[in-house]
Amino acid sequence: MNIRQCLQSDAYAICEIYNYYVEQSVVTFDEKRISESDMRQRIKSYSKDYPWLVIENGKGVVVGYAYATKWAERSAYKNTAEITVYLHHLASGKGYGTLLYKAILARLKASGFHVVVATIALPNEASIKLQESFGFSKVAHFKEVGCKFDRWIDVGYWQVKLKEITE
């Protein structure tokens, strides 16, 4: 496995991973496939100020990615980031998400961020388990704030203070 900085050339692989979730699940609230061009723009925009990492399997194939973004607009939030991770739907349960989280949280901590927030469409036990394995705790629960596939979806927020992460 190899974790590295995301490149513009990874946009196709990232779209393949992400668009599966757009079409098949409620873990993202995007409802239409994201084009490779739009993904390139997201990579360019987000990775300017925050880490965006990909993980490759032993054959050099991108099987997941994680990135951080601004959590909120006001300047007083500048030391808080929101993180997201997506794995190829056939790559779950192999430790990729844990490795990506470990790497991205270390980069955020080294960059001076104080708090990291994760947003989870509920229910999602796998994501909750990943967050909580790194010391995140649930801090909010919003009922029926999203609607996808003709059903209402709750959203939870988890957060961690980076100084509390020992790894």
N, C-alpha and C. Protein backbone atom coordinates (compact mmCIF):
# COMPACT_ATOMS: atom_id res chain seq x y z
N MET A 1 0.84 -1.19 0.00
CA MET A 1 0.00 0.00 0.00
C MET A 1 0.88 1.24 0.00
N ASN A 2 0.40 2.26 -0.67
CA ASN A 2 1.13 3.51 -0.76
C ASN A 2 0.15 4.67 -0.60
N ILE A 3 0.46 5.57 0.33
CA ILE A 3 -0.33 6.79 0.50
C ILE A 3 0.49 7.94 -0.03
N ARG A 4 -0.13 8.76 -0.86
CA ARG A 4 0.57 9.89 -1.45
C ARG A 4 -0.39 11.05 -1.68
N GLN A 5 0.21 12.20 -1.99
CA GLN A 5 -0.58 13.38 -2.31
C GLN A 5 -1.39 13.12 -3.58
N CYS A 6 -2.62 13.55 -3.60
CA CYS A 6 -3.47 13.41 -4.77
C CYS A 6 -2.96 14.28 -5.91
N LEU A 7 -3.03 13.76 -7.12
CA LEU A 7 -2.63 14.48 -8.33
C LEU A 7 -3.86 14.71 -9.20
N GLN A 8 -3.80 15.68 -10.08
CA GLN A 8 -4.89 15.91 -11.02
C GLN A 8 -5.18 14.65 -11.84
N SER A 9 -4.14 13.89 -12.12
CA SER A 9 -4.30 12.67 -12.90
C SER A 9 -5.07 11.57 -12.16
N ASP A 10 -5.32 11.75 -10.87
CA ASP A 10 -6.11 10.79 -10.09
C ASP A 10 -7.61 11.03 -10.22
N ALA A 11 -8.01 12.10 -10.90
CA ALA A 11 -9.42 12.48 -10.96
C ALA A 11 -10.30 11.36 -11.50
N TYR A 12 -9.86 10.65 -12.53
CA TYR A 12 -10.68 9.58 -13.09
C TYR A 12 -10.93 8.49 -12.05
N ALA A 13 -9.87 8.03 -11.39
CA ALA A 13 -10.01 6.97 -10.38
C ALA A 13 -10.89 7.43 -9.22
N ILE A 14 -10.73 8.67 -8.82
CA ILE A 14 -11.54 9.20 -7.72
C ILE A 14 -13.01 9.27 -8.13
N CYS A 15 -13.28 9.69 -9.37
CA CYS A 15 -14.67 9.71 -9.86
C CYS A 15 -15.27 8.32 -9.85
N GLU A 16 -14.50 7.33 -10.26
CA GLU A 16 -15.00 5.96 -10.27
C GLU A 16 -15.41 5.52 -8.85
N ILE A 17 -14.60 5.88 -7.87
CA ILE A 17 -14.91 5.54 -6.47
C ILE A 17 -16.13 6.33 -6.00
N TYR A 18 -16.08 7.64 -6.17
CA TYR A 18 -17.12 8.52 -5.63
C TYR A 18 -18.48 8.31 -6.30
N ASN A 19 -18.49 8.19 -7.62
CA ASN A 19 -19.77 8.09 -8.32
C ASN A 19 -20.54 6.82 -7.98
N TYR A 20 -19.85 5.79 -7.56
CA TYR A 20 -20.55 4.61 -7.06
C TYR A 20 -21.45 5.01 -5.89
N TYR A 21 -20.91 5.79 -4.96
CA TYR A 21 -21.67 6.22 -3.78
C TYR A 21 -22.76 7.21 -4.14
N VAL A 22 -22.51 8.05 -5.15
CA VAL A 22 -23.54 8.98 -5.61
C VAL A 22 -24.75 8.20 -6.08
N GLU A 23 -24.51 7.16 -6.84
CA GLU A 23 -25.61 6.41 -7.45
C GLU A 23 -26.20 5.32 -6.57
N GLN A 24 -25.43 4.81 -5.62
CA GLN A 24 -25.86 3.62 -4.88
C GLN A 24 -26.13 3.83 -3.39
N SER A 25 -25.83 5.01 -2.85
CA SER A 25 -25.96 5.15 -1.40
C SER A 25 -26.32 6.58 -1.01
N VAL A 26 -26.52 6.74 0.28
CA VAL A 26 -26.82 8.07 0.82
C VAL A 26 -25.63 8.64 1.59
N VAL A 27 -24.45 8.04 1.49
CA VAL A 27 -23.31 8.57 2.23
C VAL A 27 -22.85 9.91 1.68
N THR A 28 -23.20 10.21 0.44
CA THR A 28 -23.00 11.55 -0.10
C THR A 28 -24.36 12.09 -0.51
N PHE A 29 -24.53 13.38 -0.41
CA PHE A 29 -25.79 13.98 -0.80
C PHE A 29 -25.75 14.50 -2.23
N ASP A 30 -24.65 14.29 -2.96
CA ASP A 30 -24.67 14.54 -4.39
C ASP A 30 -25.64 13.55 -4.99
N GLU A 31 -26.43 14.00 -5.96
CA GLU A 31 -27.43 13.13 -6.57
C GLU A 31 -27.14 12.83 -8.04
N LYS A 32 -26.16 13.55 -8.61
CA LYS A 32 -25.77 13.34 -10.00
C LYS A 32 -24.28 13.02 -10.04
N ARG A 33 -23.91 12.16 -10.97
CA ARG A 33 -22.50 11.79 -11.15
C ARG A 33 -21.63 13.04 -11.30
N ILE A 34 -20.44 12.97 -10.77
CA ILE A 34 -19.48 14.07 -10.88
C ILE A 34 -18.58 13.77 -12.07
N SER A 35 -18.40 14.75 -12.93
CA SER A 35 -17.54 14.55 -14.10
C SER A 35 -16.07 14.61 -13.68
N GLU A 36 -15.23 14.06 -14.51
CA GLU A 36 -13.79 14.10 -14.24
C GLU A 36 -13.30 15.55 -14.18
N SER A 37 -13.84 16.39 -15.03
CA SER A 37 -13.48 17.81 -15.03
C SER A 37 -13.86 18.49 -13.71
N ASP A 38 -15.06 18.20 -13.23
CA ASP A 38 -15.50 18.77 -11.95
C ASP A 38 -14.64 18.25 -10.80
N MET A 39 -14.26 16.97 -10.87
CA MET A 39 -13.41 16.42 -9.82
C MET A 39 -12.03 17.06 -9.84
N ARG A 40 -11.51 17.31 -11.03
CA ARG A 40 -10.21 18.00 -11.12
C ARG A 40 -10.29 19.37 -10.45
N GLN A 41 -11.41 20.05 -10.64
CA GLN A 41 -11.60 21.36 -10.02
C GLN A 41 -11.67 21.24 -8.50
N ARG A 42 -12.36 20.23 -8.01
CA ARG A 42 -12.43 20.00 -6.55
C ARG A 42 -11.04 19.74 -5.99
N ILE A 43 -10.29 18.89 -6.67
CA ILE A 43 -8.93 18.58 -6.21
C ILE A 43 -8.10 19.85 -6.16
N LYS A 44 -8.15 20.63 -7.22
CA LYS A 44 -7.38 21.88 -7.28
C LYS A 44 -7.80 22.84 -6.17
N SER A 45 -9.09 22.98 -5.98
CA SER A 45 -9.61 23.92 -4.99
C SER A 45 -9.29 23.48 -3.56
N TYR A 46 -9.58 22.23 -3.22
CA TYR A 46 -9.40 21.76 -1.85
C TYR A 46 -7.94 21.60 -1.48
N SER A 47 -7.14 21.06 -2.40
CA SER A 47 -5.76 20.74 -2.04
C SER A 47 -4.85 21.96 -1.99
N LYS A 48 -5.40 23.10 -2.34
CA LYS A 48 -4.61 24.34 -2.25
C LYS A 48 -4.25 24.65 -0.80
N ASP A 49 -5.18 24.44 0.12
CA ASP A 49 -4.97 24.78 1.52
C ASP A 49 -5.07 23.60 2.49
N TYR A 50 -5.50 22.45 2.00
CA TYR A 50 -5.74 21.30 2.86
C TYR A 50 -5.17 20.03 2.20
N PRO A 51 -4.86 19.02 3.00
CA PRO A 51 -4.36 17.78 2.41
C PRO A 51 -5.44 17.01 1.65
N TRP A 52 -5.03 16.40 0.56
CA TRP A 52 -5.88 15.48 -0.20
C TRP A 52 -4.97 14.32 -0.55
N LEU A 53 -5.27 13.16 -0.01
CA LEU A 53 -4.41 11.99 -0.16
C LEU A 53 -5.15 10.87 -0.88
N VAL A 54 -4.38 10.03 -1.58
CA VAL A 54 -4.92 8.81 -2.16
C VAL A 54 -4.13 7.64 -1.61
N ILE A 55 -4.77 6.47 -1.60
CA ILE A 55 -4.08 5.25 -1.21
C ILE A 55 -4.16 4.28 -2.38
N GLU A 56 -3.00 3.70 -2.69
CA GLU A 56 -2.90 2.73 -3.77
C GLU A 56 -2.70 1.34 -3.18
N ASN A 57 -3.26 0.35 -3.84
CA ASN A 57 -3.02 -1.02 -3.41
C ASN A 57 -1.62 -1.44 -3.88
N GLY A 58 -1.25 -2.67 -3.65
CA GLY A 58 0.07 -3.15 -4.02
C GLY A 58 0.36 -3.13 -5.51
N LYS A 59 -0.67 -2.95 -6.33
CA LYS A 59 -0.50 -2.90 -7.78
C LYS A 59 -0.49 -1.47 -8.31
N GLY A 60 -0.52 -0.49 -7.40
CA GLY A 60 -0.49 0.92 -7.80
C GLY A 60 -1.84 1.48 -8.22
N VAL A 61 -2.91 0.77 -7.91
CA VAL A 61 -4.26 1.22 -8.26
C VAL A 61 -4.84 2.02 -7.10
N VAL A 62 -5.39 3.20 -7.39
CA VAL A 62 -6.02 4.02 -6.36
C VAL A 62 -7.29 3.31 -5.89
N VAL A 63 -7.32 2.98 -4.58
CA VAL A 63 -8.47 2.29 -4.01
C VAL A 63 -9.20 3.12 -2.95
N GLY A 64 -8.72 4.34 -2.73
CA GLY A 64 -9.38 5.21 -1.77
C GLY A 64 -8.73 6.57 -1.73
N TYR A 65 -9.42 7.49 -1.09
CA TYR A 65 -8.89 8.83 -0.94
C TYR A 65 -9.50 9.49 0.29
N ALA A 66 -8.78 10.48 0.79
CA ALA A 66 -9.26 11.27 1.93
C ALA A 66 -8.83 12.70 1.70
N TYR A 67 -9.67 13.62 2.11
CA TYR A 67 -9.30 15.03 1.98
C TYR A 67 -9.90 15.82 3.12
N ALA A 68 -9.32 16.99 3.31
CA ALA A 68 -9.82 17.93 4.31
C ALA A 68 -10.27 19.20 3.59
N THR A 69 -11.23 19.87 4.18
CA THR A 69 -11.73 21.13 3.65
C THR A 69 -11.98 22.10 4.81
N LYS A 70 -12.27 23.31 4.43
CA LYS A 70 -12.68 24.31 5.41
C LYS A 70 -13.99 23.86 6.02
N TRP A 71 -14.10 23.96 7.34
CA TRP A 71 -15.34 23.54 7.98
C TRP A 71 -16.42 24.62 7.88
N ALA A 72 -16.05 25.86 8.08
CA ALA A 72 -17.01 26.95 8.00
C ALA A 72 -16.30 28.20 7.51
N GLU A 73 -17.06 29.14 7.02
CA GLU A 73 -16.50 30.31 6.34
C GLU A 73 -15.82 31.35 7.24
N ARG A 74 -16.34 31.63 8.39
CA ARG A 74 -15.81 32.73 9.21
C ARG A 74 -14.36 32.47 9.63
N SER A 75 -13.57 33.54 9.71
CA SER A 75 -12.12 33.40 9.95
C SER A 75 -11.79 32.74 11.29
N ALA A 76 -12.64 32.87 12.26
CA ALA A 76 -12.36 32.26 13.57
C ALA A 76 -12.37 30.73 13.51
N TYR A 77 -12.89 30.16 12.43
CA TYR A 77 -12.89 28.70 12.25
C TYR A 77 -11.64 28.19 11.54
N LYS A 78 -10.66 29.05 11.31
CA LYS A 78 -9.50 28.69 10.47
C LYS A 78 -8.69 27.50 10.99
N ASN A 79 -8.81 27.15 12.24
CA ASN A 79 -8.06 26.02 12.81
C ASN A 79 -8.90 24.75 12.93
N THR A 80 -10.05 24.76 12.28
CA THR A 80 -10.93 23.60 12.26
C THR A 80 -11.08 23.13 10.81
N ALA A 81 -10.96 21.83 10.60
CA ALA A 81 -11.12 21.26 9.26
C ALA A 81 -12.16 20.16 9.30
N GLU A 82 -12.76 19.91 8.16
CA GLU A 82 -13.67 18.78 8.00
C GLU A 82 -12.97 17.75 7.14
N ILE A 83 -13.06 16.48 7.51
CA ILE A 83 -12.42 15.44 6.70
C ILE A 83 -13.44 14.45 6.17
N THR A 84 -13.05 13.87 5.03
CA THR A 84 -13.88 12.91 4.33
C THR A 84 -12.99 11.80 3.80
N VAL A 85 -13.51 10.58 3.81
CA VAL A 85 -12.78 9.45 3.23
C VAL A 85 -13.75 8.62 2.40
N TYR A 86 -13.28 8.16 1.25
CA TYR A 86 -14.04 7.24 0.40
C TYR A 86 -13.12 6.13 -0.04
N LEU A 87 -13.64 4.92 0.00
CA LEU A 87 -12.90 3.74 -0.48
C LEU A 87 -13.68 3.10 -1.62
N HIS A 88 -12.94 2.49 -2.53
CA HIS A 88 -13.61 1.71 -3.56
C HIS A 88 -14.53 0.72 -2.83
N HIS A 89 -15.73 0.55 -3.33
CA HIS A 89 -16.72 -0.25 -2.60
C HIS A 89 -16.28 -1.70 -2.39
N LEU A 90 -15.32 -2.19 -3.16
CA LEU A 90 -14.81 -3.55 -2.95
C LEU A 90 -13.56 -3.57 -2.06
N ALA A 91 -13.12 -2.39 -1.61
CA ALA A 91 -11.89 -2.31 -0.82
C ALA A 91 -12.15 -2.09 0.67
N SER A 92 -13.39 -2.10 1.07
CA SER A 92 -13.73 -1.88 2.49
C SER A 92 -13.24 -3.05 3.35
N GLY A 93 -12.95 -2.73 4.60
CA GLY A 93 -12.58 -3.77 5.56
C GLY A 93 -11.17 -4.29 5.42
N LYS A 94 -10.32 -3.59 4.66
CA LYS A 94 -8.94 -4.04 4.45
C LYS A 94 -7.92 -3.12 5.11
N GLY A 95 -8.41 -2.15 5.88
CA GLY A 95 -7.51 -1.25 6.59
C GLY A 95 -7.14 0.02 5.85
N TYR A 96 -7.62 0.19 4.64
CA TYR A 96 -7.28 1.38 3.86
C TYR A 96 -7.79 2.66 4.52
N GLY A 97 -9.03 2.63 5.01
CA GLY A 97 -9.60 3.81 5.65
C GLY A 97 -8.82 4.22 6.88
N THR A 98 -8.41 3.25 7.68
CA THR A 98 -7.62 3.54 8.88
C THR A 98 -6.29 4.17 8.51
N LEU A 99 -5.62 3.63 7.49
CA LEU A 99 -4.33 4.19 7.07
C LEU A 99 -4.49 5.61 6.53
N LEU A 100 -5.53 5.84 5.75
CA LEU A 100 -5.78 7.19 5.23
C LEU A 100 -6.06 8.18 6.36
N TYR A 101 -6.89 7.77 7.32
CA TYR A 101 -7.20 8.64 8.44
C TYR A 101 -5.95 8.98 9.25
N LYS A 102 -5.16 7.97 9.52
CA LYS A 102 -3.94 8.18 10.28
C LYS A 102 -3.05 9.22 9.57
N ALA A 103 -2.91 9.08 8.26
CA ALA A 103 -2.06 9.99 7.48
C ALA A 103 -2.63 11.41 7.42
N ILE A 104 -3.91 11.53 7.17
CA ILE A 104 -4.47 12.87 7.02
C ILE A 104 -4.55 13.60 8.35
N LEU A 105 -4.87 12.88 9.42
CA LEU A 105 -4.90 13.51 10.74
C LEU A 105 -3.50 13.97 11.16
N ALA A 106 -2.48 13.19 10.84
CA ALA A 106 -1.09 13.59 11.16
C ALA A 106 -0.73 14.86 10.40
N ARG A 107 -1.13 14.96 9.15
CA ARG A 107 -0.82 16.16 8.36
C ARG A 107 -1.55 17.38 8.90
N LEU A 108 -2.80 17.20 9.27
CA LEU A 108 -3.56 18.32 9.83
C LEU A 108 -2.96 18.77 11.16
N LYS A 109 -2.58 17.82 11.98
CA LYS A 109 -1.96 18.14 13.28
C LYS A 109 -0.65 18.89 13.06
N ALA A 110 0.18 18.42 12.15
CA ALA A 110 1.46 19.07 11.86
C ALA A 110 1.28 20.47 11.28
N SER A 111 0.14 20.71 10.64
CA SER A 111 -0.14 22.02 10.06
C SER A 111 -0.77 22.99 11.05
N GLY A 112 -0.99 22.54 12.28
CA GLY A 112 -1.50 23.44 13.32
C GLY A 112 -3.00 23.47 13.47
N PHE A 113 -3.71 22.55 12.85
CA PHE A 113 -5.16 22.52 13.05
C PHE A 113 -5.45 22.05 14.47
N HIS A 114 -6.56 22.51 15.00
CA HIS A 114 -6.92 22.23 16.39
C HIS A 114 -8.02 21.16 16.49
N VAL A 115 -9.06 21.30 15.68
CA VAL A 115 -10.21 20.40 15.72
C VAL A 115 -10.49 19.89 14.32
N VAL A 116 -10.90 18.62 14.25
CA VAL A 116 -11.34 18.03 12.99
C VAL A 116 -12.77 17.54 13.18
N VAL A 117 -13.60 17.81 12.19
CA VAL A 117 -15.01 17.46 12.20
C VAL A 117 -15.28 16.47 11.07
N ALA A 118 -16.14 15.51 11.32
CA ALA A 118 -16.57 14.56 10.30
C ALA A 118 -18.10 14.56 10.27
N THR A 119 -18.65 14.61 9.08
CA THR A 119 -20.09 14.58 8.89
C THR A 119 -20.47 13.21 8.37
N ILE A 120 -21.48 12.59 8.98
CA ILE A 120 -21.86 11.23 8.59
C ILE A 120 -23.37 11.17 8.34
N ALA A 121 -23.75 10.73 7.13
CA ALA A 121 -25.15 10.44 6.85
C ALA A 121 -25.48 9.16 7.60
N LEU A 122 -26.59 9.17 8.30
CA LEU A 122 -26.93 8.06 9.20
C LEU A 122 -28.09 7.23 8.68
N PRO A 123 -28.04 5.93 8.93
CA PRO A 123 -27.04 5.18 9.70
C PRO A 123 -25.82 4.84 8.83
N ASN A 124 -24.67 4.69 9.47
CA ASN A 124 -23.43 4.31 8.78
C ASN A 124 -22.45 3.79 9.83
N GLU A 125 -22.65 2.58 10.27
CA GLU A 125 -21.85 1.99 11.35
C GLU A 125 -20.36 1.94 11.03
N ALA A 126 -20.00 1.65 9.78
CA ALA A 126 -18.59 1.54 9.42
C ALA A 126 -17.88 2.89 9.60
N SER A 127 -18.53 3.96 9.17
CA SER A 127 -17.92 5.29 9.31
C SER A 127 -17.85 5.70 10.77
N ILE A 128 -18.90 5.43 11.53
CA ILE A 128 -18.89 5.76 12.95
C ILE A 128 -17.76 5.01 13.65
N LYS A 129 -17.61 3.74 13.34
CA LYS A 129 -16.54 2.93 13.94
C LYS A 129 -15.16 3.52 13.61
N LEU A 130 -14.97 3.94 12.36
CA LEU A 130 -13.69 4.54 11.97
C LEU A 130 -13.43 5.82 12.75
N GLN A 131 -14.41 6.72 12.79
CA GLN A 131 -14.24 7.99 13.52
C GLN A 131 -13.89 7.72 14.98
N GLU A 132 -14.67 6.88 15.61
CA GLU A 132 -14.50 6.66 17.04
C GLU A 132 -13.20 5.92 17.35
N SER A 133 -12.67 5.16 16.41
CA SER A 133 -11.38 4.50 16.64
C SER A 133 -10.24 5.52 16.73
N PHE A 134 -10.46 6.73 16.23
CA PHE A 134 -9.47 7.80 16.30
C PHE A 134 -9.81 8.82 17.38
N GLY A 135 -10.77 8.52 18.22
CA GLY A 135 -11.10 9.40 19.33
C GLY A 135 -12.18 10.42 19.04
N PHE A 136 -12.77 10.37 17.86
CA PHE A 136 -13.88 11.28 17.56
C PHE A 136 -15.06 10.93 18.45
N SER A 137 -15.84 11.93 18.83
CA SER A 137 -17.08 11.68 19.54
C SER A 137 -18.21 12.45 18.87
N LYS A 138 -19.38 11.87 19.00
CA LYS A 138 -20.56 12.48 18.39
C LYS A 138 -20.91 13.74 19.16
N VAL A 139 -21.13 14.83 18.41
CA VAL A 139 -21.45 16.10 19.04
C VAL A 139 -22.78 16.70 18.56
N ALA A 140 -23.35 16.13 17.49
CA ALA A 140 -24.62 16.66 16.99
C ALA A 140 -25.34 15.61 16.16
N HIS A 141 -26.66 15.73 16.14
CA HIS A 141 -27.49 14.85 15.34
C HIS A 141 -28.63 15.69 14.77
N PHE A 142 -28.66 15.80 13.44
CA PHE A 142 -29.71 16.56 12.77
C PHE A 142 -30.65 15.57 12.10
N LYS A 143 -31.92 15.68 12.41
CA LYS A 143 -32.91 14.74 11.89
C LYS A 143 -33.49 15.21 10.56
N GLU A 144 -33.48 14.29 9.60
CA GLU A 144 -34.13 14.47 8.30
C GLU A 144 -33.71 15.76 7.60
N VAL A 145 -32.42 16.04 7.55
CA VAL A 145 -31.94 17.26 6.89
C VAL A 145 -31.58 17.04 5.42
N GLY A 146 -31.52 15.79 4.99
CA GLY A 146 -31.25 15.49 3.59
C GLY A 146 -32.33 14.58 3.05
N CYS A 147 -32.56 14.66 1.74
CA CYS A 147 -33.52 13.78 1.11
C CYS A 147 -32.90 13.24 -0.17
N LYS A 148 -32.74 11.92 -0.22
CA LYS A 148 -32.16 11.27 -1.39
C LYS A 148 -32.87 9.94 -1.57
N PHE A 149 -33.08 9.56 -2.81
CA PHE A 149 -33.80 8.32 -3.13
C PHE A 149 -35.18 8.30 -2.46
N ASP A 150 -35.80 9.48 -2.40
CA ASP A 150 -37.15 9.61 -1.85
C ASP A 150 -37.25 9.21 -0.38
N ARG A 151 -36.16 9.41 0.35
CA ARG A 151 -36.25 9.16 1.79
C ARG A 151 -35.45 10.23 2.54
N TRP A 152 -35.91 10.52 3.75
CA TRP A 152 -35.25 11.52 4.58
C TRP A 152 -34.08 10.89 5.32
N ILE A 153 -33.00 11.65 5.42
CA ILE A 153 -31.76 11.12 5.99
C ILE A 153 -31.28 12.03 7.11
N ASP A 154 -30.93 11.41 8.23
CA ASP A 154 -30.32 12.13 9.36
C ASP A 154 -28.83 12.31 9.09
N VAL A 155 -28.26 13.31 9.72
CA VAL A 155 -26.82 13.57 9.63
C VAL A 155 -26.27 13.79 11.03
N GLY A 156 -25.14 13.15 11.31
CA GLY A 156 -24.46 13.35 12.58
C GLY A 156 -23.11 14.00 12.38
N TYR A 157 -22.67 14.70 13.41
CA TYR A 157 -21.34 15.32 13.41
C TYR A 157 -20.50 14.68 14.50
N TRP A 158 -19.29 14.33 14.16
CA TRP A 158 -18.31 13.82 15.10
C TRP A 158 -17.13 14.78 15.07
N GLN A 159 -16.44 14.93 16.19
CA GLN A 159 -15.25 15.80 16.21
C GLN A 159 -14.20 15.25 17.14
N VAL A 160 -12.96 15.70 16.91
CA VAL A 160 -11.84 15.35 17.78
C VAL A 160 -10.91 16.55 17.84
N LYS A 161 -10.32 16.76 19.02
CA LYS A 161 -9.23 17.74 19.16
C LYS A 161 -7.96 17.01 18.81
N LEU A 162 -7.20 17.54 17.89
CA LEU A 162 -6.02 16.84 17.41
C LEU A 162 -4.99 16.59 18.49
N LYS A 163 -4.94 17.43 19.51
CA LYS A 163 -3.97 17.20 20.59
C LYS A 163 -4.31 15.93 21.38
N GLU A 164 -5.55 15.45 21.25
CA GLU A 164 -5.98 14.25 21.97
C GLU A 164 -5.61 12.96 21.23
N ILE A 165 -5.15 13.10 19.98
CA ILE A 165 -4.74 11.93 19.20
C ILE A 165 -3.26 11.68 19.49
N THR A 166 -2.95 10.50 19.95
CA THR A 166 -1.58 10.20 20.38
C THR A 166 -0.71 9.61 19.28
N GLU A 167 -1.30 9.06 18.24
CA GLU A 167 -0.49 8.45 17.18
C GLU A 167 0.14 9.46 16.28
